[in-house]
Structures are given as C-alpha cells and as structure tokens.
Amino acid sequence: MKLSAGEKISYGLGAVGKDMVYMLSAGYILYYYQDVLGVSAIAMGMILMAARVFDAFNDPVMGVIVAKTKTKWGKFRPWLLIGTILNAIVLYLMFAAPPSLDGKGLVAYAAVAYVLWGVTYTMMDIPFWSMIPAFTEGSKERENLSTLARSCAGVGSAIITIITMKCVYVLGQGNERMGFKWFALIVSLLFVLFTLVTCMVIKEKSTVDVDSPSVGEMFRALLRNDQAMTVVITIVLINCSLYITSNLLIYFFKYDFGTETWYNSYTLFNTFGGAIQILSMMIFFPVLRKFISAIQVFYASIILAVSGYTVLLVLSFVNMSNLLLLLIPGFLIFTAFGMLTVLTTVFLANTVDYGEMKNGRRDESVIFSMQTFVVKLASGVAAFIASICLTVCNLSSDTAGTQVAETAGGSVAGLRLTMTVLPIAGLLAAIFLFHKKYILTEENIEKITAQIKEKTS
C-alpha cells in the first residue's frame, strides 16, 4: 500500500521542524554566546569543535541503540519523540542562559548545554532517517520520500536563516538576549508539534534492521576505497569553506556593513541567498545536467564559487556598504553551493559501486554514514576558525557596529579576508584533489556496473 498524501506531508513537516532547530543551533550559537553574552570567542570555538567531533562519533552509537530497540510502537518512533522533546528543552535552555552566570560559569553552561543538545539531536535524527524503510515499499517510493524530506529540511533551514534576527529584535524589543530566549522557545514548541504529527500519522508497516556501522568500520571502509576517501575529503574542504562564511556573515553585517538596522539587510541578503540556493538545486542543476556531465557541473560550480569570493574580495577594497552590489557575489556563491550539495551526494553514491568492484563488498550504509560525520566535522572546524578570526579582529558587542567600521580598519580587513581568502583556498584545494584523484566518470561507472552484474549473474 503506497503512502498517502497525509503521510508524506506529516513526514515532510517533521523534517522542517528538525532542520529549524539544527539551523538555529548551528547558525547562531556562536553569535549568541560570544557577541550577546560576551563569552570568549576562542573558548566558544573550542567548545563547538570538540562537541561536534564528539557528536559525529556518537552517531554510530545511537544507531546501535535504535537497532536493538523493540516496543509495541516500533523501534523508531519512541526515540524520535523522546529525542525531540529532550532536544527542544535543551535548545530553549541553551538560548536562555541564566543572567546570574558570567565568566567560567557561563563557559561551563555553554559547554554542557551544547554537548547535551548534540546528543539529544542525534537521539532523534538517527531514527528519523532510518525509519524510512519501515513505512515505505520499494526503492522508488523511498527515493521520492527521501527527496521530499530533504527539500522540506532545506525549507526549515531557510526559514530560520531568513527570520531569526528580525524575530529576535521584535520579540526582545531591541534586547537580543531576551529576543533569542523567546524565539528559541517558539522554535522548540513548533519542533515538538511537528514531530508529534509525524509520530501520530506515520505507522511502521514492517520490521527493518538498521545497519549501524562502528566508527572503526567507517574508517576501514574509507581506507579500502580510495574514491570514497577522495569525495569525503572534498566534502570537508567545500563545507569548511561555506561554513566559515556563514559563521562570519552575521558579524560582517553587524560590524562592517554597519547601520543601526543592519539586521534588515542581513535578513534580505539571506532571503535572496536561500531562494537562489533552492533554485540551483531544483532548476539550475537539472538543466545543466542535460548538456554536460556531473563532473563538468562540479568544476563549473567551483569556478562560480571562487569567482563569487573573488568579486567579494574586490568589493572589500572598493565598496562593501551597497547591498545590491553584494548580491552579485552572493548569487554566484549560493548558486554554486546549491549544486555542490547535490553533486557531493551523487559522487559519494558512485563510490559504493566502485568499492564493491574493488573490494568485493558493498559498504553502502558505512559510506553514507561518513557523510553525516564529515559534515559535522567540517562544521566544528569552521566554527573554530571563525572564533580565531573574531578574537584576532577583536569584534564584539562592546563596540557599536558603525564605530568599528570607522575606527578599526584592521579588524574589518581581517574579517573580510577570512571570509574570502580562506574559502577560496579551501575550494581550490578541493578542485585540485578532485581533479587529481577522482576517476569515476560516467563511462567508468557504466563499466563498473557491468562488471558487478557479470560477477553476480
């Protein structure tokens, strides 16, 4: 029996809520504790990097726990609901730090809250994606549902990126600390509501075994598969480049763009960027694929991104206060990263067949577990790099944005260079590695597929 429209909508709604809380944490936790509460940027950078690395290693452990769960409600929905409720509570507490805390106490509070947030997010994220085979029938239905859920997750991320700062200022009436507290509460409640709908509508129709590889298995699979290793390192370099920019973007608009209503420009820029990124995934990429290969689209995307950062670098020496001019490099960068998000998943899928041909075993679940691992690792590394930039440039809420722009030229220059030069270096390293090591062209993939069929027939 095929999925009903209600089941599809309810699952997509769960994806929206899930990525709303993820983006609020990933996109604004550094800003909240460093800029709003005054915690050392380096301390926050170390906390974020350590917690994300720990969280990445924690994924396989949660997978094993889910796989061994047996209840009358199934193995997935109990953890999905429990994890959501706990994660929503921690999310609110993370953005509602007690006013009485300062110094080391505030650092300790941030560290504990962020680690707990990562653990509880994993608690619901693993069963959310792993449960798809339990209520779908056939690979086509599963592929379609996965595509829908990924698109809905992108919508959830875009919503938070677009509305957060505007809502923070409205809810807090200019007080960012109070604004984040109430906004986190609203997002947390919506998260629980959306997941509750998912759990009530979705029914597990079959019992499925969750293949949960250990961390050791993931790395052994990579060492046996040089193409998977190439793609994984490429993903780390690309994501680090993107996350460095996204972590520092809010600081750029507040301290460099420098007006009292900077959050309006920040919201407009993110709205434009989010729309372009979605269009690039849904329209630009499919259109380009009709004319050129996936590898050629990859090279074109890297060139677009590097060109966008180069234009941004040039503007940093000419005019960085004109929002319309900033939309030009923004268009190039968001278009590129939208297509790269699709392409890296495609390339990773190609390495599964290659590994089967080379090693005689199909490490599908192991290799795709690495995608989550490396995205989290890149996020942690990028946050640490951003924290170093903020410390060196001495950018904080102690100084008004317009004053920084006028009196601290060195600080502004350091911010601009970190946002442009480091991503360019990361992208050039990615394209160099990919060009040198990646061999899975469409022709080679067809040959590999034919060899696998010949062996199994």
Protein backbone atom coordinates (compact mmCIF):
# COMPACT_ATOMS: atom_id res chain seq x y z
CA MET A 1 0.00 0.00 0.00
CA LYS A 2 1.50 3.27 -1.15
CA LEU A 3 2.00 6.27 1.11
CA SER A 4 -0.93 8.66 1.36
CA ALA A 5 -0.55 12.40 0.84
CA GLY A 6 -1.10 12.88 4.58
CA GLU A 7 1.77 10.56 5.43
CA LYS A 8 4.10 12.36 3.03
CA ILE A 9 3.11 15.77 4.38
CA SER A 10 3.49 14.68 8.02
CA TYR A 11 6.96 13.26 7.39
CA GLY A 12 7.98 16.41 5.50
CA LEU A 13 6.66 18.52 8.38
CA GLY A 14 8.92 16.60 10.76
CA ALA A 15 11.88 17.38 8.50
CA VAL A 16 11.01 21.10 8.56
CA GLY A 17 10.97 21.19 12.36
CA LYS A 18 14.13 19.11 12.68
CA ASP A 19 16.20 21.41 10.50
CA MET A 20 14.74 24.54 12.05
CA VAL A 21 16.32 23.61 15.38
CA TYR A 22 19.52 22.45 13.68
CA MET A 23 19.99 25.75 11.85
CA LEU A 24 19.18 27.83 14.93
CA SER A 25 21.89 26.00 16.85
CA ALA A 26 24.46 25.73 14.07
CA GLY A 27 23.96 29.26 12.74
CA TYR A 28 23.54 31.35 15.89
CA ILE A 29 25.08 29.64 18.92
CA LEU A 30 28.50 31.25 18.40
CA TYR A 31 26.93 34.68 17.92
CA TYR A 32 24.65 34.31 20.98
CA TYR A 33 27.36 33.32 23.44
CA GLN A 34 30.25 35.34 22.01
CA ASP A 35 28.58 38.55 20.87
CA VAL A 36 25.44 38.75 23.00
CA LEU A 37 26.71 37.22 26.28
CA GLY A 38 30.40 38.10 25.97
CA VAL A 39 31.97 34.63 26.20
CA SER A 40 35.50 34.41 24.75
CA ALA A 41 35.38 33.59 21.03
CA ILE A 42 38.26 31.13 21.38
CA ALA A 43 36.53 29.35 24.28
CA MET A 44 33.34 29.05 22.22
CA GLY A 45 35.29 27.86 19.18
CA MET A 46 36.93 25.09 21.18
CA ILE A 47 33.58 24.07 22.70
CA LEU A 48 31.86 23.96 19.32
CA MET A 49 34.62 21.99 17.62
CA ALA A 50 35.01 19.45 20.46
CA ALA A 51 31.25 18.98 20.79
CA ARG A 52 30.69 18.49 17.07
CA VAL A 53 33.51 15.96 16.79
CA PHE A 54 32.11 14.09 19.81
CA ASP A 55 28.65 14.27 18.27
CA ALA A 56 29.94 12.85 15.00
CA PHE A 57 31.42 9.82 16.80
CA ASN A 58 28.21 9.49 18.82
CA ASP A 59 26.08 8.84 15.70
CA PRO A 60 27.04 5.14 15.29
CA VAL A 61 26.39 4.51 19.00
CA MET A 62 22.86 5.87 18.72
CA GLY A 63 22.34 3.79 15.60
CA VAL A 64 23.14 0.61 17.54
CA ILE A 65 20.74 1.60 20.36
CA VAL A 66 17.91 2.23 17.90
CA ALA A 67 18.61 -1.06 16.09
CA LYS A 68 18.22 -3.04 19.34
CA THR A 69 15.02 -1.26 20.46
CA LYS A 70 11.79 -3.27 20.49
CA THR A 71 8.49 -1.74 21.64
CA LYS A 72 4.83 -2.07 20.66
CA TRP A 73 5.17 1.36 18.98
CA GLY A 74 8.12 0.15 16.90
CA LYS A 75 11.84 0.87 17.25
CA PHE A 76 11.95 4.32 15.67
CA ARG A 77 9.03 6.45 16.83
CA PRO A 78 9.73 6.16 20.59
CA TRP A 79 13.26 7.51 20.14
CA LEU A 80 12.06 10.11 17.64
CA LEU A 81 9.55 11.53 20.12
CA ILE A 82 11.76 11.23 23.22
CA GLY A 83 14.73 12.77 21.40
CA THR A 84 12.61 15.63 20.07
CA ILE A 85 11.19 16.56 23.48
CA LEU A 86 14.60 16.43 25.16
CA ASN A 87 16.27 18.34 22.32
CA ALA A 88 13.58 21.04 22.40
CA ILE A 89 14.08 21.51 26.15
CA VAL A 90 17.87 21.72 25.76
CA LEU A 91 17.56 24.12 22.80
CA TYR A 92 15.48 26.52 24.88
CA LEU A 93 17.85 26.30 27.86
CA MET A 94 20.85 26.81 25.57
CA PHE A 95 19.43 30.16 24.42
CA ALA A 96 18.14 31.09 27.89
CA ALA A 97 21.38 31.27 29.85
CA PRO A 98 20.75 32.49 33.45
CA PRO A 99 21.65 36.21 33.82
CA SER A 100 23.47 35.42 37.08
CA LEU A 101 26.18 33.45 35.24
CA ASP A 102 29.35 35.04 33.94
CA GLY A 103 32.97 34.16 33.28
CA LYS A 104 33.86 30.48 33.77
CA GLY A 105 30.34 29.66 34.91
CA LEU A 106 28.91 30.86 31.61
CA VAL A 107 31.55 28.94 29.63
CA ALA A 108 30.72 25.75 31.56
CA TYR A 109 27.00 26.31 30.98
CA ALA A 110 27.57 26.77 27.23
CA ALA A 111 29.73 23.63 27.04
CA VAL A 112 27.27 21.40 28.89
CA ALA A 113 24.24 22.77 27.02
CA TYR A 114 25.83 22.38 23.59
CA VAL A 115 27.06 18.83 24.21
CA LEU A 116 23.62 17.83 25.52
CA TRP A 117 22.00 19.47 22.51
CA GLY A 118 24.19 17.42 20.16
CA VAL A 119 23.45 14.15 21.99
CA THR A 120 19.68 14.72 22.06
CA TYR A 121 19.62 15.86 18.42
CA THR A 122 21.35 12.63 17.39
CA MET A 123 18.79 10.76 19.50
CA MET A 124 16.01 11.91 17.16
CA ASP A 125 17.90 12.44 13.90
CA ILE A 126 19.10 8.84 13.51
CA PRO A 127 15.63 7.24 13.86
CA PHE A 128 14.02 9.96 11.71
CA TRP A 129 16.04 9.00 8.63
CA SER A 130 16.45 5.31 9.49
CA MET A 131 12.69 4.70 9.74
CA ILE A 132 12.01 5.33 6.02
CA PRO A 133 12.29 1.62 5.03
CA ALA A 134 9.85 0.70 7.80
CA PHE A 135 6.87 2.53 6.27
CA THR A 136 7.68 2.60 2.54
CA GLU A 137 7.55 -0.05 -0.15
CA GLY A 138 10.08 -0.22 -2.96
CA SER A 139 13.15 1.79 -3.80
CA LYS A 140 11.27 4.33 -5.94
CA GLU A 141 8.90 5.30 -3.12
CA ARG A 142 11.81 5.54 -0.70
CA GLU A 143 13.81 7.70 -3.11
CA ASN A 144 10.86 10.04 -3.67
CA LEU A 145 10.15 10.35 0.07
CA SER A 146 13.83 10.98 0.83
CA THR A 147 13.92 13.72 -1.82
CA LEU A 148 10.77 15.31 -0.38
CA ALA A 149 12.15 15.17 3.17
CA ARG A 150 15.50 16.67 2.13
CA SER A 151 13.67 19.51 0.36
CA CYS A 152 11.49 20.13 3.43
CA ALA A 153 14.61 20.11 5.62
CA GLY A 154 16.06 22.78 3.33
CA VAL A 155 12.92 24.86 3.80
CA GLY A 156 13.27 24.56 7.59
CA SER A 157 16.88 25.75 7.42
CA ALA A 158 15.95 28.61 5.09
CA ILE A 159 13.14 29.80 7.37
CA ILE A 160 15.50 30.12 10.35
CA THR A 161 18.22 31.77 8.27
CA ILE A 162 15.76 34.36 6.97
CA ILE A 163 13.65 35.28 10.01
CA THR A 164 15.86 34.78 13.08
CA MET A 165 17.42 38.20 13.57
CA LYS A 166 14.24 40.05 12.65
CA CYS A 167 12.25 37.97 15.15
CA VAL A 168 14.93 38.38 17.82
CA TYR A 169 14.72 42.16 17.60
CA VAL A 170 10.91 42.18 17.60
CA LEU A 171 10.49 39.66 20.44
CA GLY A 172 13.21 41.25 22.57
CA GLN A 173 12.27 44.84 21.65
CA GLY A 174 15.91 45.51 20.86
CA ASN A 175 17.28 43.27 23.65
CA GLU A 176 19.00 40.41 21.81
CA ARG A 177 19.35 38.26 24.91
CA MET A 178 15.60 38.25 25.58
CA GLY A 179 14.82 38.01 21.88
CA PHE A 180 16.83 34.80 21.45
CA LYS A 181 15.23 33.32 24.57
CA TRP A 182 11.66 33.79 23.32
CA PHE A 183 12.48 32.88 19.74
CA ALA A 184 14.13 29.61 20.89
CA LEU A 185 11.01 28.82 22.92
CA ILE A 186 8.76 29.30 19.88
CA VAL A 187 11.00 27.17 17.65
CA SER A 188 11.18 24.46 20.32
CA LEU A 189 7.39 24.28 20.63
CA LEU A 190 6.95 24.11 16.85
CA PHE A 191 9.58 21.36 16.71
CA VAL A 192 7.68 19.22 19.23
CA LEU A 193 4.35 19.88 17.48
CA PHE A 194 5.68 18.95 14.03
CA THR A 195 7.33 15.76 15.30
CA LEU A 196 4.19 14.79 17.21
CA VAL A 197 2.23 14.99 13.95
CA THR A 198 4.84 12.78 12.27
CA CYS A 199 4.68 10.16 15.02
CA MET A 200 0.88 10.11 15.06
CA VAL A 201 0.40 9.79 11.30
CA ILE A 202 3.35 7.58 10.31
CA LYS A 203 2.94 3.90 11.17
CA GLU A 204 5.77 1.40 10.94
CA LYS A 205 4.48 -1.22 8.50
CA SER A 206 7.42 -3.59 8.68
CA THR A 207 10.35 -4.53 10.86
CA VAL A 208 13.67 -3.43 9.42
CA ASP A 209 17.19 -3.91 10.63
CA VAL A 210 19.27 -0.77 10.96
CA ASP A 211 22.78 -1.34 9.70
CA SER A 212 24.77 0.80 12.12
CA PRO A 213 28.49 0.74 11.36
CA SER A 214 31.00 1.46 14.08
CA VAL A 215 33.49 4.31 13.77
CA GLY A 216 36.19 1.71 13.09
CA GLU A 217 34.15 0.21 10.25
CA MET A 218 33.64 3.65 8.71
CA PHE A 219 37.36 4.37 8.59
CA ARG A 220 38.27 0.87 7.40
CA ALA A 221 35.77 1.26 4.55
CA LEU A 222 37.42 4.55 3.59
CA LEU A 223 40.91 3.08 3.64
CA ARG A 224 39.72 0.30 1.31
CA ASN A 225 38.01 2.75 -1.05
CA ASP A 226 40.28 5.49 -2.39
CA GLN A 227 37.41 7.14 -4.32
CA ALA A 228 35.27 7.42 -1.20
CA MET A 229 38.24 8.94 0.62
CA THR A 230 38.66 11.48 -2.19
CA VAL A 231 34.99 12.51 -2.07
CA VAL A 232 34.93 12.69 1.73
CA ILE A 233 37.97 15.00 1.87
CA THR A 234 36.45 17.09 -0.94
CA ILE A 235 33.22 17.44 1.07
CA VAL A 236 35.18 18.55 4.15
CA LEU A 237 37.05 21.23 2.16
CA ILE A 238 33.89 22.53 0.46
CA ASN A 239 31.80 22.57 3.64
CA CYS A 240 34.57 24.23 5.66
CA SER A 241 34.69 27.00 3.06
CA LEU A 242 30.92 27.51 3.19
CA TYR A 243 30.63 27.31 6.99
CA ILE A 244 33.45 29.80 7.58
CA THR A 245 31.49 32.32 5.54
CA SER A 246 28.10 31.50 7.12
CA ASN A 247 29.53 31.75 10.66
CA LEU A 248 31.02 35.18 9.98
CA LEU A 249 28.25 36.61 7.81
CA ILE A 250 26.24 37.98 10.74
CA TYR A 251 29.36 39.73 12.09
CA PHE A 252 30.01 41.25 8.68
CA PHE A 253 26.56 42.81 8.51
CA LYS A 254 26.65 43.99 12.12
CA TYR A 255 30.19 45.39 12.32
CA ASP A 256 31.24 46.04 8.74
CA PHE A 257 28.07 46.86 6.83
CA GLY A 258 27.42 48.98 9.88
CA THR A 259 23.99 50.58 10.22
CA GLU A 260 21.54 50.56 13.11
CA THR A 261 19.12 48.45 11.05
CA TRP A 262 21.80 46.02 9.85
CA TYR A 263 19.57 43.04 10.64
CA ASN A 264 17.15 44.16 7.90
CA SER A 265 19.94 43.97 5.32
CA TYR A 266 21.11 40.67 6.80
CA THR A 267 17.59 39.24 6.52
CA LEU A 268 17.19 40.45 2.93
CA PHE A 269 20.55 39.01 1.90
CA ASN A 270 19.73 35.63 3.45
CA THR A 271 16.29 35.61 1.83
CA PHE A 272 17.90 36.19 -1.56
CA GLY A 273 20.60 33.60 -0.91
CA GLY A 274 18.19 30.94 0.34
CA ALA A 275 15.97 31.37 -2.73
CA ILE A 276 18.93 31.13 -5.10
CA GLN A 277 20.30 28.03 -3.36
CA ILE A 278 16.96 26.24 -3.63
CA LEU A 279 16.61 27.26 -7.29
CA SER A 280 20.10 25.99 -8.04
CA MET A 281 19.26 22.55 -6.60
CA MET A 282 15.83 22.23 -8.18
CA ILE A 283 16.27 24.03 -11.53
CA PHE A 284 19.83 25.10 -12.39
CA PHE A 285 21.41 21.71 -11.69
CA PRO A 286 18.88 19.60 -13.66
CA VAL A 287 19.09 22.00 -16.62
CA LEU A 288 22.90 21.91 -16.72
CA ARG A 289 22.91 18.10 -16.47
CA LYS A 290 21.03 17.94 -19.77
CA PHE A 291 24.03 19.44 -21.53
CA ILE A 292 27.14 18.50 -19.54
CA SER A 293 28.33 15.71 -17.21
CA ALA A 294 28.10 15.79 -13.42
CA ILE A 295 31.88 16.23 -13.17
CA GLN A 296 31.73 19.21 -15.53
CA VAL A 297 28.94 20.72 -13.43
CA PHE A 298 31.17 20.23 -10.38
CA TYR A 299 34.07 22.13 -11.99
CA ALA A 300 31.67 24.87 -13.13
CA SER A 301 30.26 25.16 -9.59
CA ILE A 302 33.72 25.50 -8.03
CA ILE A 303 34.63 28.15 -10.60
CA LEU A 304 31.38 30.02 -9.83
CA ALA A 305 32.07 29.92 -6.09
CA VAL A 306 35.69 31.06 -6.45
CA SER A 307 34.54 33.84 -8.81
CA GLY A 308 31.94 34.95 -6.28
CA TYR A 309 34.50 35.10 -3.46
CA THR A 310 36.92 36.94 -5.75
CA VAL A 311 34.28 39.57 -6.55
CA LEU A 312 33.58 39.87 -2.82
CA LEU A 313 37.29 40.34 -2.16
CA VAL A 314 37.48 43.09 -4.80
CA LEU A 315 34.42 44.79 -3.31
CA SER A 316 36.12 44.77 0.09
CA PHE A 317 38.63 47.26 -1.31
CA VAL A 318 36.01 49.31 -3.17
CA ASN A 319 32.51 49.35 -1.68
CA MET A 320 31.13 46.93 0.93
CA SER A 321 28.19 49.10 2.01
CA ASN A 322 25.98 48.64 -1.06
CA LEU A 323 23.62 45.68 -0.59
CA LEU A 324 22.77 45.47 -4.29
CA LEU A 325 26.45 45.07 -5.17
CA LEU A 326 26.80 42.32 -2.54
CA LEU A 327 24.00 40.36 -4.20
CA ILE A 328 26.27 39.80 -7.23
CA PRO A 329 28.86 37.63 -5.43
CA GLY A 330 26.00 36.26 -3.31
CA PHE A 331 24.27 34.95 -6.43
CA LEU A 332 27.43 33.22 -7.65
CA ILE A 333 28.27 31.66 -4.27
CA PHE A 334 24.76 30.47 -3.35
CA THR A 335 24.23 29.04 -6.85
CA ALA A 336 27.49 27.13 -6.63
CA PHE A 337 26.91 25.69 -3.18
CA GLY A 338 23.36 24.64 -4.03
CA MET A 339 24.64 22.50 -6.91
CA LEU A 340 27.64 21.25 -4.90
CA THR A 341 25.28 19.97 -2.19
CA VAL A 342 23.60 17.72 -4.77
CA LEU A 343 26.82 16.73 -6.53
CA THR A 344 28.76 15.57 -3.48
CA THR A 345 25.91 13.20 -2.60
CA VAL A 346 25.89 11.86 -6.16
CA PHE A 347 29.66 11.34 -6.16
CA LEU A 348 29.53 9.58 -2.80
CA ALA A 349 26.87 7.21 -4.16
CA ASN A 350 29.14 6.39 -7.11
CA THR A 351 31.90 5.25 -4.77
CA VAL A 352 29.66 2.48 -3.39
CA ASP A 353 29.70 0.55 -6.70
CA TYR A 354 33.42 1.22 -7.06
CA GLY A 355 34.08 -0.21 -3.60
CA GLU A 356 32.03 -3.32 -4.40
CA MET A 357 34.02 -3.93 -7.58
CA LYS A 358 37.39 -3.31 -5.92
CA ASN A 359 36.88 -4.98 -2.54
CA GLY A 360 34.12 -7.49 -3.22
CA ARG A 361 31.80 -5.94 -0.63
CA ARG A 362 29.15 -3.24 -0.71
CA ASP A 363 29.71 -0.67 2.07
CA GLU A 364 26.67 1.45 1.25
CA SER A 365 25.49 2.23 4.78
CA VAL A 366 29.08 2.68 6.00
CA ILE A 367 29.97 5.20 3.31
CA PHE A 368 26.78 7.23 3.73
CA SER A 369 27.29 7.32 7.49
CA MET A 370 30.54 9.12 6.71
CA GLN A 371 28.61 11.95 5.04
CA THR A 372 26.99 12.92 8.34
CA PHE A 373 30.32 12.52 10.12
CA VAL A 374 32.29 14.80 7.78
CA VAL A 375 29.58 17.49 7.63
CA LYS A 376 29.64 17.73 11.43
CA LEU A 377 33.43 17.67 11.47
CA ALA A 378 33.59 20.49 8.91
CA SER A 379 31.08 22.50 10.94
CA GLY A 380 33.23 22.20 14.07
CA VAL A 381 36.46 23.11 12.30
CA ALA A 382 34.85 26.11 10.59
CA ALA A 383 33.43 27.37 13.90
CA PHE A 384 36.89 27.17 15.47
CA ILE A 385 38.44 29.10 12.55
CA ALA A 386 35.69 31.73 12.80
CA SER A 387 36.33 32.09 16.55
CA ILE A 388 40.04 32.70 15.90
CA CYS A 389 39.11 35.42 13.40
CA LEU A 390 36.77 37.11 15.90
CA THR A 391 39.45 37.02 18.60
CA VAL A 392 42.20 38.40 16.38
CA CYS A 393 39.91 41.06 14.90
CA ASN A 394 38.51 41.91 18.36
CA LEU A 395 34.94 42.10 17.11
CA SER A 396 32.33 42.02 19.87
CA SER A 397 29.21 43.74 21.11
CA ASP A 398 31.36 46.05 23.23
CA THR A 399 31.65 48.38 20.25
CA ALA A 400 28.88 49.68 18.04
CA GLY A 401 28.96 48.37 14.51
CA THR A 402 29.33 51.75 12.86
CA GLN A 403 32.16 52.69 15.20
CA VAL A 404 34.05 49.51 14.36
CA ALA A 405 33.77 50.24 10.67
CA GLU A 406 35.13 53.72 11.17
CA THR A 407 37.84 53.22 13.76
CA ALA A 408 39.04 49.63 13.47
CA GLY A 409 40.06 49.26 9.85
CA GLY A 410 42.41 46.40 10.65
CA SER A 411 39.64 44.45 12.35
CA VAL A 412 37.29 44.91 9.42
CA ALA A 413 40.03 43.97 6.94
CA GLY A 414 40.77 40.79 8.90
CA LEU A 415 37.08 39.82 8.85
CA ARG A 416 36.83 40.42 5.10
CA LEU A 417 39.98 38.45 4.32
CA THR A 418 38.90 35.49 6.47
CA MET A 419 35.51 35.42 4.74
CA THR A 420 37.02 35.42 1.27
CA VAL A 421 40.64 34.22 1.10
CA LEU A 422 40.24 31.11 3.28
CA PRO A 423 37.17 29.85 1.37
CA ILE A 424 38.98 30.44 -1.94
CA ALA A 425 41.94 28.42 -0.67
CA GLY A 426 39.65 25.62 0.51
CA LEU A 427 37.78 25.46 -2.79
CA LEU A 428 40.99 25.46 -4.85
CA ALA A 429 42.34 22.62 -2.69
CA ALA A 430 39.07 20.72 -3.24
CA ILE A 431 39.15 21.06 -7.03
CA PHE A 432 42.85 20.13 -7.16
CA LEU A 433 42.30 16.96 -5.11
CA PHE A 434 39.16 16.01 -7.01
CA HIS A 435 40.77 16.51 -10.43
CA LYS A 436 43.84 14.53 -9.43
CA LYS A 437 42.17 11.59 -7.68
CA TYR A 438 38.53 11.17 -8.79
CA ILE A 439 38.22 8.72 -11.70
CA LEU A 440 34.54 7.77 -11.64
CA THR A 441 33.41 9.34 -14.91
CA GLU A 442 30.06 8.30 -16.36
CA GLU A 443 31.86 5.89 -18.72
CA ASN A 444 33.80 4.29 -15.88
CA ILE A 445 30.66 3.96 -13.77
CA GLU A 446 28.92 2.11 -16.61
CA LYS A 447 31.87 -0.28 -16.90
CA ILE A 448 31.89 -0.89 -13.14
CA THR A 449 28.13 -1.56 -13.11
CA ALA A 450 28.52 -4.03 -15.97
CA GLN A 451 31.36 -5.84 -14.16
CA ILE A 452 29.31 -6.13 -10.97
CA LYS A 453 26.33 -7.55 -12.87
CA GLU A 454 28.61 -10.03 -14.61
CA LYS A 455 30.03 -11.24 -11.29
CA THR A 456 26.62 -11.59 -9.63
CA SER A 457 24.83 -13.19 -12.59
